[in-house]
Protein backbone atom coordinates (compact mmCIF):
# COMPACT_ATOMS: atom_id res chain seq x y z
CA MET A 1 100.17 109.20 88.98
CA LEU A 2 101.70 106.22 90.71
CA ASP A 3 99.42 106.80 93.70
CA ILE A 4 96.30 106.39 91.56
CA GLY A 5 97.23 103.00 90.17
CA PHE A 6 99.95 103.36 87.53
CA ILE A 7 102.48 101.66 89.81
CA HIS A 8 100.82 98.30 89.04
CA THR A 9 101.24 98.85 85.30
CA LEU A 10 104.85 99.91 85.79
CA ARG A 11 105.63 96.73 87.72
CA LYS A 12 103.95 94.60 85.06
CA ILE A 13 105.99 96.23 82.27
CA ALA A 14 109.23 95.95 84.25
CA ARG A 15 108.82 92.17 84.57
CA MET A 16 108.66 91.90 80.76
CA LEU A 17 111.83 93.87 80.10
CA PRO A 18 115.31 92.30 79.74
CA LYS A 19 117.64 92.65 82.69
CA GLU A 20 120.28 94.32 80.50
CA ARG A 21 118.66 97.61 79.57
CA GLN A 22 118.87 101.36 79.92
CA THR A 23 116.12 102.90 82.04
CA LEU A 24 115.29 106.58 82.43
CA MET A 25 112.81 107.81 85.03
CA PHE A 26 111.38 111.33 85.11
CA SER A 27 109.58 112.93 88.03
CA ALA A 28 108.56 116.50 88.85
CA THR A 29 109.65 115.79 92.43
CA MET A 30 111.79 113.21 94.17
CA PRO A 31 110.28 112.60 97.62
CA LYS A 32 111.54 109.73 99.76
CA LEU A 33 108.96 107.21 98.52
CA MET A 34 109.72 108.04 94.88
CA SER A 35 113.44 107.69 95.51
CA GLU A 36 112.93 104.31 97.15
CA LEU A 37 110.81 103.17 94.21
CA SER A 38 113.43 104.23 91.66
CA ASP A 39 116.09 102.28 93.55
CA THR A 40 114.21 99.05 92.79
CA TYR A 41 114.45 99.67 89.02
CA LEU A 42 117.78 101.46 88.60
CA THR A 43 121.39 100.40 89.11
CA ASP A 44 123.98 103.08 89.96
CA PRO A 45 121.80 105.81 88.43
CA VAL A 46 122.96 109.27 87.48
CA LYS A 47 120.58 111.90 88.88
CA VAL A 48 119.94 115.18 87.08
CA ALA A 49 117.94 117.90 88.88
CA VAL A 50 116.81 121.16 87.30
CA ASN A 51 116.31 122.88 90.66
CA PRO A 52 117.36 121.87 94.16
CA PRO A 53 114.51 120.32 96.20
CA GLY A 54 112.20 122.97 97.66
CA LYS A 55 113.55 125.81 95.50
CA ALA A 56 111.12 128.00 93.60
CA ALA A 57 111.91 129.45 90.18
CA ASP A 58 113.97 132.64 90.38
CA LYS A 59 111.52 134.62 88.24
CA ILE A 60 108.64 134.21 90.69
CA ASP A 61 108.07 137.35 92.79
CA GLN A 62 106.76 135.96 96.08
CA GLY A 63 104.89 137.74 98.85
CA VAL A 64 102.72 136.95 101.87
CA HIS A 65 99.71 139.00 102.96
CA PHE A 66 98.51 138.47 106.52
CA VAL A 67 94.71 138.49 106.70
CA SER A 68 91.89 136.99 108.75
CA GLN A 69 90.25 133.92 107.24
CA GLY A 70 86.95 135.75 106.88
CA ASP A 71 88.49 138.60 104.87
CA LYS A 72 90.36 136.45 102.34
CA ALA A 73 87.67 136.51 99.64
CA THR A 74 87.44 140.30 99.65
CA LEU A 75 91.23 140.61 99.58
CA LEU A 76 91.45 138.17 96.67
CA ALA A 77 88.88 140.18 94.72
CA GLU A 78 90.98 143.32 95.27
CA TYR A 79 94.10 141.62 93.90
CA LEU A 80 92.27 140.18 90.90
CA ALA A 81 90.72 143.56 90.08
CA LYS A 82 94.21 145.09 89.87
CA HIS A 83 95.17 142.78 87.00
CA PRO A 84 92.25 142.59 84.54
CA GLY A 85 92.88 140.49 81.47
CA GLU A 86 95.69 138.47 83.10
CA LEU A 87 95.40 134.77 83.96
CA SER A 88 95.37 133.91 87.66
CA MET A 89 95.31 130.61 89.52
CA VAL A 90 93.86 130.44 93.02
CA PHE A 91 94.66 127.44 95.22
CA GLY A 92 92.40 126.32 98.04
CA ARG A 93 92.68 123.40 100.41
CA THR A 94 89.31 121.65 100.00
CA LYS A 95 86.97 120.75 97.15
CA HIS A 96 84.00 122.34 98.90
CA GLY A 97 85.96 125.51 99.65
CA CYS A 98 87.14 125.90 96.05
CA GLU A 99 83.64 125.40 94.66
CA LYS A 100 82.18 127.92 97.12
CA LEU A 101 84.89 130.48 96.32
CA SER A 102 84.48 130.11 92.55
CA LYS A 103 80.73 130.69 92.82
CA LEU A 104 81.34 133.77 94.96
CA LEU A 105 83.85 135.20 92.46
CA ASP A 106 81.42 134.50 89.63
CA LYS A 107 78.73 136.38 91.54
CA TRP A 108 81.13 139.32 91.88
CA GLY A 109 81.61 139.44 88.13
CA PHE A 110 84.88 137.58 87.60
CA SER A 111 85.35 135.10 84.75
CA VAL A 112 86.08 132.01 86.82
CA ALA A 113 86.11 128.20 86.73
CA ALA A 114 86.95 125.56 89.32
CA ILE A 115 88.93 122.31 89.19
CA HIS A 116 88.81 119.79 92.02
CA GLY A 117 88.19 116.13 92.77
CA ASN A 118 84.40 116.41 92.54
CA LYS A 119 84.59 117.52 88.91
CA SER A 120 84.44 114.95 86.13
CA GLN A 121 87.33 114.58 83.72
CA GLY A 122 85.23 116.25 81.03
CA GLN A 123 84.45 119.20 83.28
CA ARG A 124 88.13 119.60 84.13
CA GLU A 125 89.20 119.51 80.49
CA ARG A 126 86.58 122.09 79.48
CA ALA A 127 87.63 124.37 82.33
CA LEU A 128 91.31 124.08 81.36
CA GLN A 129 90.60 124.68 77.70
CA ALA A 130 88.64 127.86 78.48
CA PHE A 131 91.43 129.00 80.80
CA ARG A 132 94.16 128.36 78.21
CA LYS A 133 92.20 130.33 75.60
CA GLY A 134 91.68 133.21 78.03
CA ASP A 135 87.89 132.84 77.98
CA THR A 136 88.20 132.17 81.71
CA GLN A 137 90.70 134.35 83.51
CA VAL A 138 90.58 132.90 87.02
CA LEU A 139 91.01 129.21 87.81
CA VAL A 140 90.25 128.09 91.37
CA ALA A 141 91.76 124.70 92.15
CA THR A 142 92.84 122.25 94.79
CA ASP A 143 96.27 120.63 94.64
CA VAL A 144 94.96 118.40 91.83
CA ALA A 145 96.18 121.21 89.54
CA ALA A 146 99.39 121.98 91.42
CA ARG A 147 101.57 119.68 89.30
CA GLY A 148 101.97 119.13 85.59
CA LEU A 149 99.84 122.06 84.45
CA ASP A 150 101.81 124.06 81.87
CA ILE A 151 100.07 127.28 80.81
CA PRO A 152 102.77 129.91 80.17
CA GLU A 153 100.28 132.79 80.25
CA VAL A 154 99.52 132.31 83.97
CA ALA A 155 100.77 135.56 85.49
CA HIS A 156 99.58 135.22 89.09
CA VAL A 157 99.19 132.45 91.65
CA TYR A 158 97.25 133.10 94.84
CA ASN A 159 97.54 130.69 97.75
CA TYR A 160 94.10 131.37 99.19
CA ASP A 161 94.70 128.60 101.72
CA LEU A 162 98.24 127.61 102.60
CA PRO A 163 98.96 123.93 101.91
CA ASN A 164 99.46 121.63 104.88
CA VAL A 165 102.28 119.90 102.96
CA ALA A 166 105.08 122.42 102.55
CA GLU A 167 106.45 121.09 99.25
CA ASN A 168 103.05 121.64 97.61
CA TYR A 169 103.61 125.39 97.93
CA VAL A 170 106.53 125.23 95.49
CA HIS A 171 104.49 123.14 93.06
CA ARG A 172 101.58 125.57 93.26
CA ILE A 173 103.58 128.71 92.56
CA GLY A 174 105.45 126.84 89.83
CA ARG A 175 102.34 127.25 87.65
CA THR A 176 103.57 130.78 86.93
CA ALA A 177 106.88 132.11 85.56
CA ARG A 178 106.97 129.39 82.92
CA ALA A 179 108.70 129.43 79.53
CA GLY A 180 111.08 132.18 80.65
CA ARG A 181 108.34 134.57 81.78
CA ASP A 182 108.05 136.47 85.04
CA GLY A 183 105.38 135.51 87.56
CA ARG A 184 103.90 136.61 90.84
CA ALA A 185 102.77 134.51 93.81
CA VAL A 186 100.87 135.84 96.81
CA ALA A 187 100.14 133.76 99.90
CA PHE A 188 97.20 134.70 102.11
CA CYS A 189 98.10 133.77 105.67
CA ALA A 190 95.45 133.67 108.41
CA PRO A 191 96.57 133.54 112.06
CA ALA A 192 95.81 129.81 112.21
CA GLU A 193 98.15 129.18 109.24
CA LEU A 194 101.33 130.60 110.75
CA GLY A 195 102.66 127.09 111.31
CA GLU A 196 102.18 126.23 107.64
CA LEU A 197 103.92 129.44 106.59
CA ARG A 198 106.96 128.73 108.73
CA ALA A 199 107.12 125.14 107.43
CA ILE A 200 107.10 126.47 103.85
CA GLU A 201 109.90 128.92 104.62
CA ARG A 202 111.97 126.16 106.25
CA ALA A 203 111.47 123.91 103.23
CA MET A 204 112.60 126.68 100.86
CA LYS A 205 115.37 127.81 103.24
CA SER A 206 114.26 131.43 102.78
CA SER A 207 111.65 133.81 104.12
CA ILE A 208 108.76 135.16 102.05
CA THR A 209 108.52 138.94 101.85
CA VAL A 210 105.57 140.45 103.72
CA ILE A 211 103.53 142.68 101.38
CA GLY A 212 100.48 143.42 103.50
CA GLY A 213 98.55 142.93 106.71
CA GLU A 214 99.59 142.99 110.32
CA VAL A 215 102.55 140.75 111.04
CA PRO A 216 102.32 138.96 114.41
CA ALA A 217 105.20 140.37 116.44
CA ALA A 218 106.46 136.99 117.65
CA THR A 219 106.61 135.52 114.17
CA ALA A 220 107.56 138.48 111.96
CA PRO A 221 109.77 137.39 109.03
CA ALA A 222 112.86 139.36 108.12
CA GLY A 223 111.66 140.94 104.88
CA ARG A 224 108.91 143.44 104.24
CA GLY A 225 108.19 145.08 100.90
CA GLY A 226 105.76 145.47 98.06
CA ALA A 227 104.77 143.40 95.09
């Protein structure tokens, strides 16, 4: 939110406040830039963190499925077909890619909507409302929906494209397993995305269990199982 202009409003408000005051700042994440910003407004602050940085919720069952880029759509359809009636979020990397995928899933008979930067605010709100009500069961989105979206009924998160910023993976899968529920997150990893996968595992300080596909011998993670 600060990136899209709210920082200017925050600075304006701060100038109007008395120097002797109590200030509380809340953030879903605390990257370096956010930490530096908070230091300009806080004096000897006490920091409270729900989860350590880069740690996913314990109730999320994570898995990675190795697959060629061209076979991802078919694989996604297979996963979605296994869980009819359950809400699923699918994350892609680009606006064009998400729109194309949502149209393909719609053609294949899935109840789907898309959220990305080319959609108007009204279109996004209508898509979210239909998804919350269960009228739409699959929501395809870019990272615009990776933070702040709280829909407890989301049972599955599919990383159709792995994010090129490792911390975004944790935000994406955090859309499931909310309000004390269990959740499932599956990452589709094409050969060209092995670097992104390893960066995600380093950020989380743990490997993601392999649940399908052929694991490249030189990069095989420790775990293998089913989900």
